[in-house]
Amino acid sequence: MKILGVILAAGLSSRFKGNKMLFNYNGKPLLQWTIDFVNSFNFDSIIIVNEKWKEYKNYFYLYDFKTIENKEYKNGISSSVKTAIKYALSHGYDNVLIFLGDMPLIPKNIIEKILKIQTQKPIIAPYYNEKKGFPTLVKNEIFEDILNLKGDAGIKQIIKKHPNLVEKIIVDSPEVIVDFDYKP
């Protein structure tokens, strides 16, 4: 099973009032927490960024992550997910594990549960209080469906139409749904 870890970091931070990824959270930029976390696992990783990345990329230590610019980032999160899937398809990945750059608090055991679960369903996601969280694992059998997504909703569009495609992992960790849309 060849897994690609993906951090989505191409958003506009419009609700945050500033560059969310540079926000100093406990001594380092918010995005660095997510990069460090994803790097602690043994899979190839990429970061999906927007055109402004070149202005602030030097604030981050990227390990061996590859950065991919999403030229369509203004079209919403689905454009970043599609950018990741196109990369996965062209590089032979079986699965993509999608993280959000502004969710640095996810417990490591959640990822371990996602990676260990045996299921035929093409989507695996943690759920807290009946709300879908992150990261979300998608299998290559739905990559083509993902490439047809539109707007500012990602995999949730597929889950809404076909809830039977998702393997829900019920967790007691609100961190899977906590992001930084507004400055604390």
C-alpha atoms as a PDB file:
ATOM      1  CA  MET A   1       0.000   0.000   0.000  1.00  0.00           C
ATOM      2  CA  LYS A   2       1.707   3.149  -1.235  1.00  0.00           C
ATOM      3  CA  ILE A   3       0.485   6.210   0.718  1.00  0.00           C
ATOM      4  CA  LEU A   4       0.926   9.866  -0.118  1.00  0.00           C
ATOM      5  CA  GLY A   5       0.588  12.252   2.820  1.00  0.00           C
ATOM      6  CA  VAL A   6      -0.867  15.582   1.696  1.00  0.00           C
ATOM      7  CA  ILE A   7      -1.076  18.845   3.604  1.00  0.00           C
ATOM      8  CA  LEU A   8      -3.545  21.325   2.148  1.00  0.00           C
ATOM      9  CA  ALA A   9      -2.153  24.822   2.716  1.00  0.00           C
ATOM     10  CA  ALA A  10      -3.373  26.810  -0.290  1.00  0.00           C
ATOM     11  CA  GLY A  11      -6.332  28.573   1.323  1.00  0.00           C
ATOM     12  CA  LEU A  12      -6.910  32.308   1.417  1.00  0.00           C
ATOM     13  CA  SER A  13      -7.145  32.614   5.244  1.00  0.00           C
ATOM     14  CA  SER A  14      -9.983  35.072   4.630  1.00  0.00           C
ATOM     15  CA  ARG A  15     -11.715  34.496   7.986  1.00  0.00           C
ATOM     16  CA  PHE A  16      -8.416  34.536   9.858  1.00  0.00           C
ATOM     17  CA  LYS A  17      -7.388  38.114   8.978  1.00  0.00           C
ATOM     18  CA  GLY A  18      -3.786  37.399   8.095  1.00  0.00           C
ATOM     19  CA  ASN A  19      -1.643  34.511   6.948  1.00  0.00           C
ATOM     20  CA  LYS A  20      -2.902  31.634   9.055  1.00  0.00           C
ATOM     21  CA  MET A  21       0.023  29.355   8.218  1.00  0.00           C
ATOM     22  CA  LEU A  22       2.507  31.862   9.661  1.00  0.00           C
ATOM     23  CA  PHE A  23       0.528  32.353  12.880  1.00  0.00           C
ATOM     24  CA  ASN A  24       2.825  31.731  15.849  1.00  0.00           C
ATOM     25  CA  TYR A  25       1.322  28.835  17.752  1.00  0.00           C
ATOM     26  CA  ASN A  26       3.326  27.806  20.813  1.00  0.00           C
ATOM     27  CA  GLY A  27       6.619  29.047  19.405  1.00  0.00           C
ATOM     28  CA  LYS A  28       6.467  28.109  15.746  1.00  0.00           C
ATOM     29  CA  PRO A  29       4.301  28.755  12.699  1.00  0.00           C
ATOM     30  CA  LEU A  30       1.007  26.872  12.661  1.00  0.00           C
ATOM     31  CA  LEU A  31       1.838  25.051   9.445  1.00  0.00           C
ATOM     32  CA  GLN A  32       5.195  23.877  10.848  1.00  0.00           C
ATOM     33  CA  TRP A  33       3.333  21.919  13.528  1.00  0.00           C
ATOM     34  CA  THR A  34       1.438  20.039  10.826  1.00  0.00           C
ATOM     35  CA  ILE A  35       4.567  19.511   8.719  1.00  0.00           C
ATOM     36  CA  ASP A  36       6.434  18.098  11.739  1.00  0.00           C
ATOM     37  CA  PHE A  37       3.500  15.846  12.592  1.00  0.00           C
ATOM     38  CA  VAL A  38       3.081  14.438   9.084  1.00  0.00           C
ATOM     39  CA  ASN A  39       6.836  13.958   8.823  1.00  0.00           C
ATOM     40  CA  SER A  40       6.719  11.646  11.851  1.00  0.00           C
ATOM     41  CA  PHE A  41       5.048   8.997   9.673  1.00  0.00           C
ATOM     42  CA  ASN A  42       6.697   6.825   7.075  1.00  0.00           C
ATOM     43  CA  PHE A  43       5.112   7.970   3.835  1.00  0.00           C
ATOM     44  CA  ASP A  44       5.970  10.365   1.026  1.00  0.00           C
ATOM     45  CA  SER A  45       4.542  13.820   1.624  1.00  0.00           C
ATOM     46  CA  ILE A  46       3.590  16.904  -0.331  1.00  0.00           C
ATOM     47  CA  ILE A  47       2.194  20.302   0.547  1.00  0.00           C
ATOM     48  CA  ILE A  48      -0.352  21.976  -1.710  1.00  0.00           C
ATOM     49  CA  VAL A  49       0.310  25.736  -1.666  1.00  0.00           C
ATOM     50  CA  ASN A  50      -0.833  28.841  -3.516  1.00  0.00           C
ATOM     51  CA  GLU A  51       1.108  31.429  -5.505  1.00  0.00           C
ATOM     52  CA  LYS A  52       2.002  33.377  -2.337  1.00  0.00           C
ATOM     53  CA  TRP A  53       4.096  30.469  -1.006  1.00  0.00           C
ATOM     54  CA  LYS A  54       7.326  31.953  -2.356  1.00  0.00           C
ATOM     55  CA  GLU A  55       6.816  34.948  -0.029  1.00  0.00           C
ATOM     56  CA  TYR A  56       6.867  32.859   3.157  1.00  0.00           C
ATOM     57  CA  LYS A  57       8.310  29.426   2.356  1.00  0.00           C
ATOM     58  CA  ASN A  58      11.562  30.269   4.162  1.00  0.00           C
ATOM     59  CA  TYR A  59       9.703  30.277   7.495  1.00  0.00           C
ATOM     60  CA  PHE A  60       9.346  26.499   7.295  1.00  0.00           C
ATOM     61  CA  TYR A  61      11.560  23.460   7.518  1.00  0.00           C
ATOM     62  CA  LEU A  62      10.169  21.082   4.893  1.00  0.00           C
ATOM     63  CA  TYR A  63      12.210  17.906   5.434  1.00  0.00           C
ATOM     64  CA  ASP A  64      11.877  16.128   2.074  1.00  0.00           C
ATOM     65  CA  PHE A  65       8.336  17.323   1.351  1.00  0.00           C
ATOM     66  CA  LYS A  66       7.593  18.374  -2.196  1.00  0.00           C
ATOM     67  CA  THR A  67       5.564  21.548  -2.671  1.00  0.00           C
ATOM     68  CA  ILE A  68       2.955  21.693  -5.412  1.00  0.00           C
ATOM     69  CA  GLU A  69       1.359  24.987  -6.392  1.00  0.00           C
ATOM     70  CA  ASN A  70      -2.399  24.941  -6.863  1.00  0.00           C
ATOM     71  CA  LYS A  71      -2.983  27.561  -9.527  1.00  0.00           C
ATOM     72  CA  GLU A  72      -6.768  27.226  -9.060  1.00  0.00           C
ATOM     73  CA  TYR A  73      -6.718  27.789  -5.262  1.00  0.00           C
ATOM     74  CA  LYS A  74      -9.280  30.600  -5.443  1.00  0.00           C
ATOM     75  CA  ASN A  75     -11.829  27.958  -6.492  1.00  0.00           C
ATOM     76  CA  GLY A  76     -11.799  26.428  -3.014  1.00  0.00           C
ATOM     77  CA  ILE A  77     -10.572  23.347  -1.223  1.00  0.00           C
ATOM     78  CA  SER A  78     -11.750  20.960  -3.941  1.00  0.00           C
ATOM     79  CA  SER A  79      -9.126  22.451  -6.274  1.00  0.00           C
ATOM     80  CA  SER A  80      -6.379  21.604  -3.767  1.00  0.00           C
ATOM     81  CA  VAL A  81      -7.697  18.081  -3.272  1.00  0.00           C
ATOM     82  CA  LYS A  82      -7.778  17.592  -7.052  1.00  0.00           C
ATOM     83  CA  THR A  83      -4.206  18.903  -7.328  1.00  0.00           C
ATOM     84  CA  ALA A  84      -3.125  16.286  -4.782  1.00  0.00           C
ATOM     85  CA  ILE A  85      -5.008  13.500  -6.546  1.00  0.00           C
ATOM     86  CA  LYS A  86      -3.501  14.395  -9.926  1.00  0.00           C
ATOM     87  CA  TYR A  87      -0.054  14.173  -8.335  1.00  0.00           C
ATOM     88  CA  ALA A  88      -0.938  10.820  -6.727  1.00  0.00           C
ATOM     89  CA  LEU A  89      -2.192   9.411 -10.025  1.00  0.00           C
ATOM     90  CA  SER A  90       0.885  10.496 -11.935  1.00  0.00           C
ATOM     91  CA  HIS A  91       3.202   8.998  -9.306  1.00  0.00           C
ATOM     92  CA  GLY A  92       1.477   5.652  -8.698  1.00  0.00           C
ATOM     93  CA  TYR A  93       0.055   6.130  -5.201  1.00  0.00           C
ATOM     94  CA  ASP A  94      -2.689   3.773  -3.994  1.00  0.00           C
ATOM     95  CA  ASN A  95      -3.921   6.005  -1.179  1.00  0.00           C
ATOM     96  CA  VAL A  96      -3.855   9.662  -0.219  1.00  0.00           C
ATOM     97  CA  LEU A  97      -4.036  10.760   3.405  1.00  0.00           C
ATOM     98  CA  ILE A  98      -5.258  14.365   3.487  1.00  0.00           C
ATOM     99  CA  PHE A  99      -4.331  16.724   6.324  1.00  0.00           C
ATOM    100  CA  LEU A 100      -5.248  20.383   6.709  1.00  0.00           C
ATOM    101  CA  GLY A 101      -2.421  22.819   7.401  1.00  0.00           C
ATOM    102  CA  ASP A 102      -4.383  24.518  10.173  1.00  0.00           C
ATOM    103  CA  MET A 103      -5.114  21.395  12.229  1.00  0.00           C
ATOM    104  CA  PRO A 104      -1.939  20.740  14.239  1.00  0.00           C
ATOM    105  CA  LEU A 105      -3.528  19.030  17.252  1.00  0.00           C
ATOM    106  CA  ILE A 106      -4.545  15.643  15.851  1.00  0.00           C
ATOM    107  CA  PRO A 107      -3.401  12.810  18.127  1.00  0.00           C
ATOM    108  CA  LYS A 108      -0.975  10.338  16.534  1.00  0.00           C
ATOM    109  CA  ASN A 109      -3.141   7.371  17.523  1.00  0.00           C
ATOM    110  CA  ILE A 110      -5.904   8.623  15.184  1.00  0.00           C
ATOM    111  CA  ILE A 111      -3.597   8.277  12.186  1.00  0.00           C
ATOM    112  CA  GLU A 112      -2.494   4.863  13.395  1.00  0.00           C
ATOM    113  CA  LYS A 113      -6.164   3.767  13.551  1.00  0.00           C
ATOM    114  CA  ILE A 114      -6.813   5.068  10.034  1.00  0.00           C
ATOM    115  CA  LEU A 115      -3.788   3.248   8.645  1.00  0.00           C
ATOM    116  CA  LYS A 116      -4.542  -0.056  10.410  1.00  0.00           C
ATOM    117  CA  ILE A 117      -8.231  -0.398   9.639  1.00  0.00           C
ATOM    118  CA  GLN A 118      -9.157  -3.116   7.160  1.00  0.00           C
ATOM    119  CA  THR A 119     -12.075  -2.051   4.986  1.00  0.00           C
ATOM    120  CA  GLN A 120     -13.284  -2.239   1.422  1.00  0.00           C
ATOM    121  CA  LYS A 121     -14.679   1.295   1.663  1.00  0.00           C
ATOM    122  CA  PRO A 122     -12.740   3.874  -0.359  1.00  0.00           C
ATOM    123  CA  ILE A 123     -12.844   6.664   2.262  1.00  0.00           C
ATOM    124  CA  ILE A 124     -11.691   6.408   5.874  1.00  0.00           C
ATOM    125  CA  ALA A 125     -12.205   9.342   8.229  1.00  0.00           C
ATOM    126  CA  PRO A 126     -12.382  10.084  11.941  1.00  0.00           C
ATOM    127  CA  TYR A 127     -15.701  11.340  13.298  1.00  0.00           C
ATOM    128  CA  TYR A 128     -16.193  13.267  16.505  1.00  0.00           C
ATOM    129  CA  ASN A 129     -19.757  13.942  17.695  1.00  0.00           C
ATOM    130  CA  GLU A 130     -21.058  12.832  14.284  1.00  0.00           C
ATOM    131  CA  LYS A 131     -18.899  15.424  12.504  1.00  0.00           C
ATOM    132  CA  LYS A 132     -16.328  14.356   9.928  1.00  0.00           C
ATOM    133  CA  GLY A 133     -12.779  15.227  10.863  1.00  0.00           C
ATOM    134  CA  PHE A 134      -9.272  14.963   9.454  1.00  0.00           C
ATOM    135  CA  PRO A 135      -7.128  13.435   8.235  1.00  0.00           C
ATOM    136  CA  THR A 136      -9.122  11.663   5.544  1.00  0.00           C
ATOM    137  CA  LEU A 137      -7.747   8.672   3.681  1.00  0.00           C
ATOM    138  CA  VAL A 138      -8.972   8.143   0.126  1.00  0.00           C
ATOM    139  CA  LYS A 139      -8.226   5.097  -1.979  1.00  0.00           C
ATOM    140  CA  ASN A 140      -7.398   5.194  -5.669  1.00  0.00           C
ATOM    141  CA  GLU A 141     -10.754   3.667  -6.644  1.00  0.00           C
ATOM    142  CA  ILE A 142     -12.396   7.075  -6.096  1.00  0.00           C
ATOM    143  CA  PHE A 143      -9.605   9.269  -7.440  1.00  0.00           C
ATOM    144  CA  GLU A 144     -11.553   9.855 -10.676  1.00  0.00           C
ATOM    145  CA  ASP A 145     -14.657  10.905  -8.676  1.00  0.00           C
ATOM    146  CA  ILE A 146     -12.533  13.367  -6.735  1.00  0.00           C
ATOM    147  CA  LEU A 147     -11.263  14.917  -9.956  1.00  0.00           C
ATOM    148  CA  ASN A 148     -14.886  15.881 -10.725  1.00  0.00           C
ATOM    149  CA  LEU A 149     -15.367  17.865  -7.486  1.00  0.00           C
ATOM    150  CA  LYS A 150     -16.150  21.590  -7.624  1.00  0.00           C
ATOM    151  CA  GLY A 151     -16.273  24.466  -5.143  1.00  0.00           C
ATOM    152  CA  ASP A 152     -15.193  25.023  -1.584  1.00  0.00           C
ATOM    153  CA  ALA A 153     -16.061  21.574  -0.285  1.00  0.00           C
ATOM    154  CA  GLY A 154     -13.750  18.637  -0.740  1.00  0.00           C
ATOM    155  CA  ILE A 155     -14.397  14.957  -0.106  1.00  0.00           C
ATOM    156  CA  LYS A 156     -17.528  15.894   1.875  1.00  0.00           C
ATOM    157  CA  GLN A 157     -19.322  16.271  -1.466  1.00  0.00           C
ATOM    158  CA  ILE A 158     -18.797  12.581  -2.183  1.00  0.00           C
ATOM    159  CA  ILE A 159     -19.657  11.542   1.370  1.00  0.00           C
ATOM    160  CA  LYS A 160     -22.897  13.548   1.274  1.00  0.00           C
ATOM    161  CA  LYS A 161     -24.027  11.811  -1.935  1.00  0.00           C
ATOM    162  CA  HIS A 162     -22.692   8.369  -0.994  1.00  0.00           C
ATOM    163  CA  PRO A 163     -22.391   8.000   2.806  1.00  0.00           C
ATOM    164  CA  ASN A 164     -21.956   4.245   2.380  1.00  0.00           C
ATOM    165  CA  LEU A 165     -18.495   4.865   0.852  1.00  0.00           C
ATOM    166  CA  VAL A 166     -16.980   6.085   4.119  1.00  0.00           C
ATOM    167  CA  GLU A 167     -15.579   3.986   6.929  1.00  0.00           C
ATOM    168  CA  LYS A 168     -16.227   6.115  10.003  1.00  0.00           C
ATOM    169  CA  ILE A 169     -13.767   5.881  12.853  1.00  0.00           C
ATOM    170  CA  ILE A 170     -15.573   7.176  15.927  1.00  0.00           C
ATOM    171  CA  VAL A 171     -13.097   9.040  18.151  1.00  0.00           C
ATOM    172  CA  ASP A 172     -13.132  10.851  21.482  1.00  0.00           C
ATOM    173  CA  SER A 173     -10.716  13.502  20.210  1.00  0.00           C
ATOM    174  CA  PRO A 174     -12.231  16.875  19.293  1.00  0.00           C
ATOM    175  CA  GLU A 175      -8.852  17.769  17.769  1.00  0.00           C
ATOM    176  CA  VAL A 176      -9.898  16.017  14.541  1.00  0.00           C
ATOM    177  CA  ILE A 177     -12.422  18.810  13.900  1.00  0.00           C
ATOM    178  CA  VAL A 178     -10.583  21.782  15.448  1.00  0.00           C
ATOM    179  CA  ASP A 179      -9.016  24.164  12.970  1.00  0.00           C
ATOM    180  CA  PHE A 180      -7.789  27.737  13.171  1.00  0.00           C
ATOM    181  CA  ASP A 181     -10.271  29.689  11.063  1.00  0.00           C
ATOM    182  CA  TYR A 182     -10.187  32.660  13.431  1.00  0.00           C
ATOM    183  CA  LYS A 183      -7.361  34.173  15.471  1.00  0.00           C
ATOM    184  CA  PRO A 184      -7.508  32.984  19.091  1.00  0.00           C
END
